[in-house]
């Protein structure tokens, strides 16, 4: 019986608008994860999770939305039975949720992933 290959997860480079599937990051002795480097620009790749589907490279708005989500700490990890849950896809949805977060004091990351605004 052959061993299973290691599971892969997604990493992105925002400046290059590129996504790469790579093995899960290993932890170093000090608890940090190993740094992944973009093969195009040698910048640091961001671990986004295994349930990530990148927008097309030409989709400027999609990559801007993704940048906001990643900088807010939102990632795309699978839950027990379905995908990562709701994620905004347009800048309008992002603006609405950020305004809601400012108005209510809810953390931005939580407001961004909530499917319905009250």
PDB file of N, CA and C in Angstrom:
ATOM      1  N   UNK A   1       0.844  -1.171   0.000  1.00  0.00           N
ATOM      2  CA  UNK A   1       0.000   0.000   0.000  1.00  0.00           C
ATOM      3  C   UNK A   1       0.894   1.240   0.000  1.00  0.00           C
ATOM      4  N   UNK A   2       0.633   2.158  -0.906  1.00  0.00           N
ATOM      5  CA  UNK A   2       1.446   3.367  -0.979  1.00  0.00           C
ATOM      6  C   UNK A   2       0.910   4.400   0.008  1.00  0.00           C
ATOM      7  N   UNK A   3       1.800   5.165   0.628  1.00  0.00           N
ATOM      8  CA  UNK A   3       1.351   6.187   1.576  1.00  0.00           C
ATOM      9  C   UNK A   3       0.644   7.325   0.836  1.00  0.00           C
ATOM     10  N   UNK A   4      -0.285   7.954   1.540  1.00  0.00           N
ATOM     11  CA  UNK A   4      -1.002   9.087   0.944  1.00  0.00           C
ATOM     12  C   UNK A   4      -0.080  10.298   0.874  1.00  0.00           C
ATOM     13  N   UNK A   5      -0.185  11.083  -0.191  1.00  0.00           N
ATOM     14  CA  UNK A   5       0.620  12.304  -0.255  1.00  0.00           C
ATOM     15  C   UNK A   5       0.131  13.291   0.799  1.00  0.00           C
ATOM     16  N   UNK A   6       0.998  14.204   1.223  1.00  0.00           N
ATOM     17  CA  UNK A   6       0.569  15.163   2.240  1.00  0.00           C
ATOM     18  C   UNK A   6      -0.546  16.066   1.711  1.00  0.00           C
ATOM     19  N   UNK A   7      -1.466  16.434   2.589  1.00  0.00           N
ATOM     20  CA  UNK A   7      -2.559  17.331   2.208  1.00  0.00           C
ATOM     21  C   UNK A   7      -1.986  18.696   1.851  1.00  0.00           C
ATOM     22  N   UNK A   8      -2.625  19.342   0.893  1.00  0.00           N
ATOM     23  CA  UNK A   8      -2.147  20.661   0.483  1.00  0.00           C
ATOM     24  C   UNK A   8      -3.158  21.729   0.861  1.00  0.00           C
ATOM     25  N   UNK A   9      -2.666  22.929   0.989  1.00  0.00           N
ATOM     26  CA  UNK A   9      -3.472  24.077   1.343  1.00  0.00           C
ATOM     27  C   UNK A   9      -3.041  25.247   0.453  1.00  0.00           C
ATOM     28  N   UNK A  10      -3.800  26.313   0.450  1.00  0.00           N
ATOM     29  CA  UNK A  10      -3.510  27.435  -0.448  1.00  0.00           C
ATOM     30  C   UNK A  10      -2.737  28.551   0.236  1.00  0.00           C
ATOM     31  N   UNK A  11      -1.861  29.157  -0.553  1.00  0.00           N
ATOM     32  CA  UNK A  11      -1.104  30.340  -0.166  1.00  0.00           C
ATOM     33  C   UNK A  11      -1.280  31.351  -1.281  1.00  0.00           C
ATOM     34  N   UNK A  12      -1.311  32.648  -0.950  1.00  0.00           N
ATOM     35  CA  UNK A  12      -1.434  33.671  -1.982  1.00  0.00           C
ATOM     36  C   UNK A  12      -0.353  34.730  -1.841  1.00  0.00           C
ATOM     37  N   UNK A  13      -0.059  35.347  -2.979  1.00  0.00           N
ATOM     38  CA  UNK A  13       0.790  36.539  -3.035  1.00  0.00           C
ATOM     39  C   UNK A  13      -0.113  37.646  -3.552  1.00  0.00           C
ATOM     40  N   UNK A  14      -0.439  38.617  -2.712  1.00  0.00           N
ATOM     41  CA  UNK A  14      -1.349  39.686  -3.125  1.00  0.00           C
ATOM     42  C   UNK A  14      -0.759  40.575  -4.222  1.00  0.00           C
ATOM     43  N   UNK A  15       0.522  41.000  -4.133  1.00  0.00           N
ATOM     44  CA  UNK A  15       1.057  41.850  -5.205  1.00  0.00           C
ATOM     45  C   UNK A  15       1.053  41.161  -6.581  1.00  0.00           C
ATOM     46  N   UNK A  16       1.303  39.857  -6.618  1.00  0.00           N
ATOM     47  CA  UNK A  16       1.335  39.116  -7.886  1.00  0.00           C
ATOM     48  C   UNK A  16      -0.044  38.608  -8.307  1.00  0.00           C
ATOM     49  N   UNK A  17      -1.012  38.667  -7.396  1.00  0.00           N
ATOM     50  CA  UNK A  17      -2.339  38.088  -7.632  1.00  0.00           C
ATOM     51  C   UNK A  17      -2.206  36.622  -8.047  1.00  0.00           C
ATOM     52  N   UNK A  18      -1.465  35.887  -7.246  1.00  0.00           N
ATOM     53  CA  UNK A  18      -1.203  34.483  -7.558  1.00  0.00           C
ATOM     54  C   UNK A  18      -1.525  33.617  -6.352  1.00  0.00           C
ATOM     55  N   UNK A  19      -2.001  32.399  -6.639  1.00  0.00           N
ATOM     56  CA  UNK A  19      -2.327  31.426  -5.603  1.00  0.00           C
ATOM     57  C   UNK A  19      -1.540  30.155  -5.864  1.00  0.00           C
ATOM     58  N   UNK A  20      -1.061  29.532  -4.793  1.00  0.00           N
ATOM     59  CA  UNK A  20      -0.262  28.321  -4.907  1.00  0.00           C
ATOM     60  C   UNK A  20      -0.751  27.287  -3.906  1.00  0.00           C
ATOM     61  N   UNK A  21      -0.859  26.032  -4.342  1.00  0.00           N
ATOM     62  CA  UNK A  21      -1.173  24.919  -3.451  1.00  0.00           C
ATOM     63  C   UNK A  21       0.151  24.333  -2.982  1.00  0.00           C
ATOM     64  N   UNK A  22       0.319  24.232  -1.678  1.00  0.00           N
ATOM     65  CA  UNK A  22       1.542  23.689  -1.104  1.00  0.00           C
ATOM     66  C   UNK A  22       1.183  22.859   0.126  1.00  0.00           C
ATOM     67  N   UNK A  23       2.098  21.996   0.573  1.00  0.00           N
ATOM     68  CA  UNK A  23       1.833  21.228   1.793  1.00  0.00           C
ATOM     69  C   UNK A  23       1.585  22.166   2.981  1.00  0.00           C
ATOM     70  N   UNK A  24       0.838  21.681   3.959  1.00  0.00           N
ATOM     71  CA  UNK A  24       0.570  22.475   5.155  1.00  0.00           C
ATOM     72  C   UNK A  24       1.867  22.965   5.765  1.00  0.00           C
ATOM     73  N   UNK A  25       1.858  24.177   6.317  1.00  0.00           N
ATOM     74  CA  UNK A  25       3.083  24.712   6.909  1.00  0.00           C
ATOM     75  C   UNK A  25       3.460  23.972   8.193  1.00  0.00           C
ATOM     76  N   UNK A  26       4.742  23.732   8.351  1.00  0.00           N
ATOM     77  CA  UNK A  26       5.248  23.073   9.552  1.00  0.00           C
ATOM     78  C   UNK A  26       5.580  24.135  10.592  1.00  0.00           C
ATOM     79  N   UNK A  27       5.453  23.760  11.834  1.00  0.00           N
ATOM     80  CA  UNK A  27       5.819  24.662  12.935  1.00  0.00           C
ATOM     81  C   UNK A  27       7.303  24.496  13.256  1.00  0.00           C
ATOM     82  N   UNK A  28       7.958  25.619  13.534  1.00  0.00           N
ATOM     83  CA  UNK A  28       9.363  25.571  13.943  1.00  0.00           C
ATOM     84  C   UNK A  28       9.419  25.368  15.455  1.00  0.00           C
ATOM     85  N   UNK A  29      10.606  25.242  15.985  1.00  0.00           N
ATOM     86  CA  UNK A  29      10.766  24.995  17.431  1.00  0.00           C
ATOM     87  C   UNK A  29      10.187  26.120  18.284  1.00  0.00           C
ATOM     88  N   UNK A  30      10.243  27.357  17.793  1.00  0.00           N
ATOM     89  CA  UNK A  30       9.733  28.480  18.589  1.00  0.00           C
ATOM     90  C   UNK A  30       8.231  28.710  18.384  1.00  0.00           C
ATOM     91  N   UNK A  31       7.559  27.792  17.678  1.00  0.00           N
ATOM     92  CA  UNK A  31       6.110  27.878  17.511  1.00  0.00           C
ATOM     93  C   UNK A  31       5.646  28.644  16.280  1.00  0.00           C
ATOM     94  N   UNK A  32       6.567  29.257  15.582  1.00  0.00           N
ATOM     95  CA  UNK A  32       6.221  29.991  14.365  1.00  0.00           C
ATOM     96  C   UNK A  32       6.055  29.011  13.207  1.00  0.00           C
ATOM     97  N   UNK A  33       5.337  29.432  12.164  1.00  0.00           N
ATOM     98  CA  UNK A  33       5.245  28.593  10.976  1.00  0.00           C
ATOM     99  C   UNK A  33       6.340  29.014  10.005  1.00  0.00           C
ATOM    100  N   UNK A  34       6.759  28.051   9.194  1.00  0.00           N
ATOM    101  CA  UNK A  34       7.824  28.352   8.242  1.00  0.00           C
ATOM    102  C   UNK A  34       7.350  29.394   7.217  1.00  0.00           C
ATOM    103  N   UNK A  35       8.265  30.246   6.785  1.00  0.00           N
ATOM    104  CA  UNK A  35       7.951  31.307   5.830  1.00  0.00           C
ATOM    105  C   UNK A  35       7.933  30.722   4.429  1.00  0.00           C
ATOM    106  N   UNK A  36       6.876  31.033   3.669  1.00  0.00           N
ATOM    107  CA  UNK A  36       6.781  30.611   2.269  1.00  0.00           C
ATOM    108  C   UNK A  36       7.048  31.815   1.389  1.00  0.00           C
ATOM    109  N   UNK A  37       7.761  31.602   0.295  1.00  0.00           N
ATOM    110  CA  UNK A  37       8.184  32.683  -0.583  1.00  0.00           C
ATOM    111  C   UNK A  37       7.516  32.552  -1.949  1.00  0.00           C
ATOM    112  N   UNK A  38       7.060  33.674  -2.480  1.00  0.00           N
ATOM    113  CA  UNK A  38       6.449  33.701  -3.809  1.00  0.00           C
ATOM    114  C   UNK A  38       7.527  33.435  -4.859  1.00  0.00           C
ATOM    115  N   UNK A  39       7.285  32.493  -5.773  1.00  0.00           N
ATOM    116  CA  UNK A  39       8.279  32.217  -6.808  1.00  0.00           C
ATOM    117  C   UNK A  39       8.416  33.341  -7.829  1.00  0.00           C
ATOM    118  N   UNK A  40       7.447  34.243  -7.885  1.00  0.00           N
ATOM    119  CA  UNK A  40       7.526  35.353  -8.851  1.00  0.00           C
ATOM    120  C   UNK A  40       8.295  36.546  -8.307  1.00  0.00           C
ATOM    121  N   UNK A  41       7.910  37.009  -7.097  1.00  0.00           N
ATOM    122  CA  UNK A  41       8.484  38.256  -6.575  1.00  0.00           C
ATOM    123  C   UNK A  41       9.330  38.065  -5.326  1.00  0.00           C
ATOM    124  N   UNK A  42       9.419  36.870  -4.805  1.00  0.00           N
ATOM    125  CA  UNK A  42      10.128  36.497  -3.577  1.00  0.00           C
ATOM    126  C   UNK A  42       9.547  37.166  -2.328  1.00  0.00           C
ATOM    127  N   UNK A  43       8.321  37.673  -2.431  1.00  0.00           N
ATOM    128  CA  UNK A  43       7.639  38.201  -1.252  1.00  0.00           C
ATOM    129  C   UNK A  43       7.083  37.056  -0.421  1.00  0.00           C
ATOM    130  N   UNK A  44       6.591  37.385   0.752  1.00  0.00           N
ATOM    131  CA  UNK A  44       6.042  36.367   1.643  1.00  0.00           C
ATOM    132  C   UNK A  44       4.635  35.982   1.205  1.00  0.00           C
ATOM    133  N   UNK A  45       4.389  34.675   1.122  1.00  0.00           N
ATOM    134  CA  UNK A  45       3.061  34.171   0.808  1.00  0.00           C
ATOM    135  C   UNK A  45       2.211  34.151   2.072  1.00  0.00           C
ATOM    136  N   UNK A  46       0.916  34.355   1.913  1.00  0.00           N
ATOM    137  CA  UNK A  46      -0.030  34.337   3.024  1.00  0.00           C
ATOM    138  C   UNK A  46      -0.791  33.022   2.985  1.00  0.00           C
ATOM    139  N   UNK A  47      -0.813  32.313   4.108  1.00  0.00           N
ATOM    140  CA  UNK A  47      -1.573  31.064   4.196  1.00  0.00           C
ATOM    141  C   UNK A  47      -3.049  31.419   4.302  1.00  0.00           C
ATOM    142  N   UNK A  48      -3.861  30.959   3.325  1.00  0.00           N
ATOM    143  CA  UNK A  48      -5.278  31.323   3.299  1.00  0.00           C
ATOM    144  C   UNK A  48      -6.202  30.164   3.623  1.00  0.00           C
ATOM    145  N   UNK A  49      -5.739  28.928   3.572  1.00  0.00           N
ATOM    146  CA  UNK A  49      -6.565  27.785   3.936  1.00  0.00           C
ATOM    147  C   UNK A  49      -6.902  26.899   2.760  1.00  0.00           C
ATOM    148  N   UNK A  50      -7.398  25.716   3.078  1.00  0.00           N
ATOM    149  CA  UNK A  50      -7.630  24.704   2.051  1.00  0.00           C
ATOM    150  C   UNK A  50      -8.936  24.886   1.291  1.00  0.00           C
ATOM    151  N   UNK A  51      -9.855  25.723   1.768  1.00  0.00           N
ATOM    152  CA  UNK A  51     -11.137  25.929   1.087  1.00  0.00           C
ATOM    153  C   UNK A  51     -11.126  27.200   0.238  1.00  0.00           C
ATOM    154  N   UNK A  52      -9.948  27.676  -0.110  1.00  0.00           N
ATOM    155  CA  UNK A  52      -9.805  28.924  -0.868  1.00  0.00           C
ATOM    156  C   UNK A  52      -9.916  28.698  -2.361  1.00  0.00           C
ATOM    157  N   UNK A  53     -10.679  29.564  -3.019  1.00  0.00           N
ATOM    158  CA  UNK A  53     -10.764  29.583  -4.484  1.00  0.00           C
ATOM    159  C   UNK A  53     -10.372  30.989  -4.927  1.00  0.00           C
ATOM    160  N   UNK A  54      -9.245  31.137  -5.618  1.00  0.00           N
ATOM    161  CA  UNK A  54      -8.772  32.481  -5.965  1.00  0.00           C
ATOM    162  C   UNK A  54      -9.630  33.142  -7.029  1.00  0.00           C
ATOM    163  N   UNK A  55      -9.735  34.474  -6.957  1.00  0.00           N
ATOM    164  CA  UNK A  55     -10.399  35.177  -8.059  1.00  0.00           C
ATOM    165  C   UNK A  55      -9.477  35.157  -9.281  1.00  0.00           C
ATOM    166  N   UNK A  56     -10.031  35.350 -10.466  1.00  0.00           N
ATOM    167  CA  UNK A  56      -9.170  35.441 -11.651  1.00  0.00           C
ATOM    168  C   UNK A  56      -8.161  36.585 -11.498  1.00  0.00           C
ATOM    169  N   UNK A  57      -6.988  36.436 -12.069  1.00  0.00           N
ATOM    170  CA  UNK A  57      -5.934  37.442 -11.931  1.00  0.00           C
ATOM    171  C   UNK A  57      -6.389  38.833 -12.406  1.00  0.00           C
ATOM    172  N   UNK A  58      -7.227  38.893 -13.417  1.00  0.00           N
ATOM    173  CA  UNK A  58      -7.694  40.184 -13.946  1.00  0.00           C
ATOM    174  C   UNK A  58      -8.794  40.828 -13.109  1.00  0.00           C
ATOM    175  N   UNK A  59      -9.351  40.101 -12.155  1.00  0.00           N
ATOM    176  CA  UNK A  59     -10.449  40.590 -11.319  1.00  0.00           C
ATOM    177  C   UNK A  59      -9.903  41.488 -10.213  1.00  0.00           C
ATOM    178  N   UNK A  60      -9.690  42.763 -10.542  1.00  0.00           N
ATOM    179  CA  UNK A  60      -9.107  43.713  -9.599  1.00  0.00           C
ATOM    180  C   UNK A  60      -9.949  43.837  -8.335  1.00  0.00           C
ATOM    181  N   UNK A  61     -11.258  43.935  -8.492  1.00  0.00           N
ATOM    182  CA  UNK A  61     -12.132  44.076  -7.327  1.00  0.00           C
ATOM    183  C   UNK A  61     -12.061  42.836  -6.430  1.00  0.00           C
ATOM    184  N   UNK A  62     -12.061  41.663  -7.030  1.00  0.00           N
ATOM    185  CA  UNK A  62     -11.972  40.433  -6.249  1.00  0.00           C
ATOM    186  C   UNK A  62     -10.698  40.365  -5.421  1.00  0.00           C
ATOM    187  N   UNK A  63      -9.582  40.804  -5.989  1.00  0.00           N
ATOM    188  CA  UNK A  63      -8.320  40.790  -5.247  1.00  0.00           C
ATOM    189  C   UNK A  63      -8.289  41.878  -4.184  1.00  0.00           C
ATOM    190  N   UNK A  64      -8.959  43.006  -4.408  1.00  0.00           N
ATOM    191  CA  UNK A  64      -9.055  44.037  -3.371  1.00  0.00           C
ATOM    192  C   UNK A  64      -9.879  43.531  -2.194  1.00  0.00           C
ATOM    193  N   UNK A  65     -10.993  42.862  -2.493  1.00  0.00           N
ATOM    194  CA  UNK A  65     -11.824  42.275  -1.440  1.00  0.00           C
ATOM    195  C   UNK A  65     -11.010  41.246  -0.661  1.00  0.00           C
ATOM    196  N   UNK A  66     -10.291  40.394  -1.370  1.00  0.00           N
ATOM    197  CA  UNK A  66      -9.458  39.386  -0.726  1.00  0.00           C
ATOM    198  C   UNK A  66      -8.415  40.037   0.180  1.00  0.00           C
ATOM    199  N   UNK A  67      -7.807  41.120  -0.269  1.00  0.00           N
ATOM    200  CA  UNK A  67      -6.808  41.825   0.530  1.00  0.00           C
ATOM    201  C   UNK A  67      -7.416  42.338   1.834  1.00  0.00           C
ATOM    202  N   UNK A  68      -8.604  42.914   1.766  1.00  0.00           N
ATOM    203  CA  UNK A  68      -9.281  43.400   2.978  1.00  0.00           C
ATOM    204  C   UNK A  68      -9.540  42.236   3.936  1.00  0.00           C
ATOM    205  N   UNK A  69     -10.055  41.129   3.393  1.00  0.00           N
ATOM    206  CA  UNK A  69     -10.352  39.967   4.233  1.00  0.00           C
ATOM    207  C   UNK A  69      -9.090  39.444   4.924  1.00  0.00           C
ATOM    208  N   UNK A  70      -8.012  39.286   4.162  1.00  0.00           N
ATOM    209  CA  UNK A  70      -6.780  38.729   4.728  1.00  0.00           C
ATOM    210  C   UNK A  70      -6.167  39.663   5.766  1.00  0.00           C
ATOM    211  N   UNK A  71      -6.194  40.969   5.504  1.00  0.00           N
ATOM    212  CA  UNK A  71      -5.638  41.918   6.469  1.00  0.00           C
ATOM    213  C   UNK A  71      -6.491  42.013   7.729  1.00  0.00           C
ATOM    214  N   UNK A  72      -7.765  41.630   7.639  1.00  0.00           N
ATOM    215  CA  UNK A  72      -8.637  41.598   8.826  1.00  0.00           C
ATOM    216  C   UNK A  72      -8.478  40.284   9.590  1.00  0.00           C
ATOM    217  N   UNK A  73      -7.711  39.344   9.035  1.00  0.00           N
ATOM    218  CA  UNK A  73      -7.485  38.080   9.708  1.00  0.00           C
ATOM    219  C   UNK A  73      -8.428  36.963   9.288  1.00  0.00           C
ATOM    220  N   UNK A  74      -9.238  37.193   8.248  1.00  0.00           N
ATOM    221  CA  UNK A  74     -10.179  36.184   7.767  1.00  0.00           C
ATOM    222  C   UNK A  74      -9.433  35.201   6.871  1.00  0.00           C
ATOM    223  N   UNK A  75      -9.663  33.904   7.087  1.00  0.00           N
ATOM    224  CA  UNK A  75      -9.052  32.865   6.271  1.00  0.00           C
ATOM    225  C   UNK A  75     -10.119  31.934   5.728  1.00  0.00           C
ATOM    226  N   UNK A  76      -9.732  30.972   4.928  1.00  0.00           N
ATOM    227  CA  UNK A  76     -10.657  30.094   4.220  1.00  0.00           C
ATOM    228  C   UNK A  76     -10.413  28.628   4.592  1.00  0.00           C
ATOM    229  N   UNK A  77     -10.615  28.312   5.848  1.00  0.00           N
ATOM    230  CA  UNK A  77     -10.439  26.945   6.322  1.00  0.00           C
ATOM    231  C   UNK A  77     -11.766  26.216   6.260  1.00  0.00           C
ATOM    232  N   UNK A  78     -11.709  24.929   5.991  1.00  0.00           N
ATOM    233  CA  UNK A  78     -12.927  24.123   5.920  1.00  0.00           C
ATOM    234  C   UNK A  78     -13.495  23.933   7.320  1.00  0.00           C
ATOM    235  N   UNK A  79     -14.844  23.925   7.379  1.00  0.00           N
ATOM    236  CA  UNK A  79     -15.478  23.558   8.635  1.00  0.00           C
ATOM    237  C   UNK A  79     -15.825  22.077   8.541  1.00  0.00           C
ATOM    238  N   UNK A  80     -16.518  21.546   9.522  1.00  0.00           N
ATOM    239  CA  UNK A  80     -16.739  20.100   9.593  1.00  0.00           C
ATOM    240  C   UNK A  80     -17.451  19.509   8.372  1.00  0.00           C
ATOM    241  N   UNK A  81     -18.458  20.171   7.852  1.00  0.00           N
ATOM    242  CA  UNK A  81     -19.237  19.539   6.781  1.00  0.00           C
ATOM    243  C   UNK A  81     -19.388  20.399   5.529  1.00  0.00           C
ATOM    244  N   UNK A  82     -18.969  21.623   5.584  1.00  0.00           N
ATOM    245  CA  UNK A  82     -19.107  22.477   4.398  1.00  0.00           C
ATOM    246  C   UNK A  82     -17.865  23.343   4.269  1.00  0.00           C
ATOM    247  N   UNK A  83     -17.903  24.289   3.384  1.00  0.00           N
ATOM    248  CA  UNK A  83     -16.749  25.139   3.124  1.00  0.00           C
ATOM    249  C   UNK A  83     -16.483  26.122   4.241  1.00  0.00           C
ATOM    250  N   UNK A  84     -15.815  27.215   3.926  1.00  0.00           N
ATOM    251  CA  UNK A  84     -15.404  28.163   4.955  1.00  0.00           C
ATOM    252  C   UNK A  84     -16.530  29.053   5.464  1.00  0.00           C
ATOM    253  N   UNK A  85     -17.708  28.958   4.881  1.00  0.00           N
ATOM    254  CA  UNK A  85     -18.802  29.840   5.280  1.00  0.00           C
ATOM    255  C   UNK A  85     -18.855  31.059   4.380  1.00  0.00           C
ATOM    256  N   UNK A  86     -19.679  32.008   4.751  1.00  0.00           N
ATOM    257  CA  UNK A  86     -19.867  33.203   3.935  1.00  0.00           C
ATOM    258  C   UNK A  86     -18.609  34.062   3.905  1.00  0.00           C
ATOM    259  N   UNK A  87     -18.281  34.590   2.739  1.00  0.00           N
ATOM    260  CA  UNK A  87     -17.232  35.588   2.564  1.00  0.00           C
ATOM    261  C   UNK A  87     -17.748  36.603   1.555  1.00  0.00           C
ATOM    262  N   UNK A  88     -17.591  37.922   1.818  1.00  0.00           N
ATOM    263  CA  UNK A  88     -18.043  38.921   0.841  1.00  0.00           C
ATOM    264  C   UNK A  88     -17.256  38.808  -0.456  1.00  0.00           C
ATOM    265  N   UNK A  89     -17.917  39.116  -1.563  1.00  0.00           N
ATOM    266  CA  UNK A  89     -17.264  39.032  -2.877  1.00  0.00           C
ATOM    267  C   UNK A  89     -17.116  40.378  -3.580  1.00  0.00           C
ATOM    268  N   UNK A  90     -17.829  41.391  -3.082  1.00  0.00           N
ATOM    269  CA  UNK A  90     -17.751  42.703  -3.722  1.00  0.00           C
ATOM    270  C   UNK A  90     -17.304  43.757  -2.714  1.00  0.00           C
ATOM    271  N   UNK A  91     -16.773  44.861  -3.229  1.00  0.00           N
ATOM    272  CA  UNK A  91     -16.361  45.950  -2.352  1.00  0.00           C
ATOM    273  C   UNK A  91     -17.570  46.566  -1.655  1.00  0.00           C
ATOM    274  N   UNK A  92     -18.719  46.548  -2.312  1.00  0.00           N
ATOM    275  CA  UNK A  92     -19.940  47.064  -1.685  1.00  0.00           C
ATOM    276  C   UNK A  92     -20.281  46.255  -0.430  1.00  0.00           C
ATOM    277  N   UNK A  93     -20.214  44.938  -0.534  1.00  0.00           N
ATOM    278  CA  UNK A  93     -20.483  44.089   0.631  1.00  0.00           C
ATOM    279  C   UNK A  93     -19.465  44.357   1.743  1.00  0.00           C
ATOM    280  N   UNK A  94     -18.212  44.552   1.382  1.00  0.00           N
ATOM    281  CA  UNK A  94     -17.172  44.840   2.370  1.00  0.00           C
ATOM    282  C   UNK A  94     -17.469  46.174   3.055  1.00  0.00           C
ATOM    283  N   UNK A  95     -17.791  47.211   2.274  1.00  0.00           N
ATOM    284  CA  UNK A  95     -18.093  48.531   2.848  1.00  0.00           C
ATOM    285  C   UNK A  95     -19.283  48.456   3.793  1.00  0.00           C
ATOM    286  N   UNK A  96     -20.346  47.732   3.401  1.00  0.00           N
ATOM    287  CA  UNK A  96     -21.529  47.598   4.259  1.00  0.00           C
ATOM    288  C   UNK A  96     -21.174  46.945   5.582  1.00  0.00           C
ATOM    289  N   UNK A  97     -20.384  45.897   5.532  1.00  0.00           N
ATOM    290  CA  UNK A  97     -20.029  45.175   6.745  1.00  0.00           C
ATOM    291  C   UNK A  97     -19.055  45.956   7.622  1.00  0.00           C
ATOM    292  N   UNK A  98     -18.167  46.721   7.010  1.00  0.00           N
ATOM    293  CA  UNK A  98     -17.249  47.542   7.803  1.00  0.00           C
ATOM    294  C   UNK A  98     -17.996  48.699   8.464  1.00  0.00           C
ATOM    295  N   UNK A  99     -18.979  49.277   7.766  1.00  0.00           N
ATOM    296  CA  UNK A  99     -19.801  50.332   8.367  1.00  0.00           C
ATOM    297  C   UNK A  99     -20.602  49.763   9.538  1.00  0.00           C
ATOM    298  N   UNK A 100     -21.126  48.556   9.372  1.00  0.00           N
ATOM    299  CA  UNK A 100     -21.859  47.884  10.446  1.00  0.00           C
ATOM    300  C   UNK A 100     -20.942  47.659  11.654  1.00  0.00           C
ATOM    301  N   UNK A 101     -19.714  47.238  11.406  1.00  0.00           N
ATOM    302  CA  UNK A 101     -18.756  46.995  12.494  1.00  0.00           C
ATOM    303  C   UNK A 101     -18.452  48.295  13.239  1.00  0.00           C
ATOM    304  N   UNK A 102     -18.261  49.387  12.511  1.00  0.00           N
ATOM    305  CA  UNK A 102     -17.995  50.681  13.162  1.00  0.00           C
ATOM    306  C   UNK A 102     -19.193  51.131  13.989  1.00  0.00           C
ATOM    307  N   UNK A 103     -20.391  50.956  13.437  1.00  0.00           N
ATOM    308  CA  UNK A 103     -21.624  51.376  14.106  1.00  0.00           C
ATOM    309  C   UNK A 103     -21.893  50.585  15.384  1.00  0.00           C
ATOM    310  N   UNK A 104     -21.647  49.297  15.357  1.00  0.00           N
ATOM    311  CA  UNK A 104     -22.020  48.421  16.471  1.00  0.00           C
ATOM    312  C   UNK A 104     -20.864  48.075  17.396  1.00  0.00           C
ATOM    313  N   UNK A 105     -19.624  48.307  16.956  1.00  0.00           N
ATOM    314  CA  UNK A 105     -18.473  47.938  17.759  1.00  0.00           C
ATOM    315  C   UNK A 105     -18.084  46.469  17.612  1.00  0.00           C
ATOM    316  N   UNK A 106     -18.746  45.769  16.690  1.00  0.00           N
ATOM    317  CA  UNK A 106     -18.404  44.368  16.443  1.00  0.00           C
ATOM    318  C   UNK A 106     -17.036  44.300  15.775  1.00  0.00           C
ATOM    319  N   UNK A 107     -16.213  43.297  16.110  1.00  0.00           N
ATOM    320  CA  UNK A 107     -14.912  43.171  15.447  1.00  0.00           C
ATOM    321  C   UNK A 107     -15.086  43.055  13.926  1.00  0.00           C
ATOM    322  N   UNK A 108     -14.190  43.694  13.189  1.00  0.00           N
ATOM    323  CA  UNK A 108     -14.287  43.727  11.724  1.00  0.00           C
ATOM    324  C   UNK A 108     -14.286  42.321  11.134  1.00  0.00           C
ATOM    325  N   UNK A 109     -13.399  41.448  11.616  1.00  0.00           N
ATOM    326  CA  UNK A 109     -13.326  40.084  11.065  1.00  0.00           C
ATOM    327  C   UNK A 109     -14.659  39.360  11.238  1.00  0.00           C
ATOM    328  N   UNK A 110     -15.316  39.547  12.361  1.00  0.00           N
ATOM    329  CA  UNK A 110     -16.600  38.886  12.607  1.00  0.00           C
ATOM    330  C   UNK A 110     -17.692  39.474  11.715  1.00  0.00           C
ATOM    331  N   UNK A 111     -17.691  40.791  11.543  1.00  0.00           N
ATOM    332  CA  UNK A 111     -18.691  41.436  10.684  1.00  0.00           C
ATOM    333  C   UNK A 111     -18.512  41.035   9.234  1.00  0.00           C
ATOM    334  N   UNK A 112     -17.267  40.821   8.795  1.00  0.00           N
ATOM    335  CA  UNK A 112     -17.015  40.457   7.405  1.00  0.00           C
ATOM    336  C   UNK A 112     -17.522  39.058   7.047  1.00  0.00           C
ATOM    337  N   UNK A 113     -17.541  38.149   8.013  1.00  0.00           N
ATOM    338  CA  UNK A 113     -17.948  36.785   7.699  1.00  0.00           C
ATOM    339  C   UNK A 113     -19.410  36.486   8.042  1.00  0.00           C
ATOM    340  N   UNK A 114     -20.116  37.442   8.599  1.00  0.00           N
ATOM    341  CA  UNK A 114     -21.528  37.238   8.902  1.00  0.00           C
ATOM    342  C   UNK A 114     -22.357  37.307   7.635  1.00  0.00           C
ATOM    343  N   UNK A 115     -23.177  36.287   7.342  1.00  0.00           N
ATOM    344  CA  UNK A 115     -23.919  36.267   6.086  1.00  0.00           C
ATOM    345  C   UNK A 115     -25.022  37.311   5.988  1.00  0.00           C
ATOM    346  N   UNK A 116     -25.611  37.656   7.104  1.00  0.00           N
ATOM    347  CA  UNK A 116     -26.717  38.621   7.075  1.00  0.00           C
ATOM    348  C   UNK A 116     -26.425  39.763   8.029  1.00  0.00           C
ATOM    349  N   UNK A 117     -26.699  40.967   7.572  1.00  0.00           N
ATOM    350  CA  UNK A 117     -26.599  42.115   8.447  1.00  0.00           C
ATOM    351  C   UNK A 117     -27.986  42.422   8.994  1.00  0.00           C
ATOM    352  N   UNK A 118     -28.081  42.716  10.299  1.00  0.00           N
ATOM    353  CA  UNK A 118     -29.414  43.032  10.857  1.00  0.00           C
ATOM    354  C   UNK A 118     -29.939  44.354  10.344  1.00  0.00           C
TER     355      UNK A 118
END
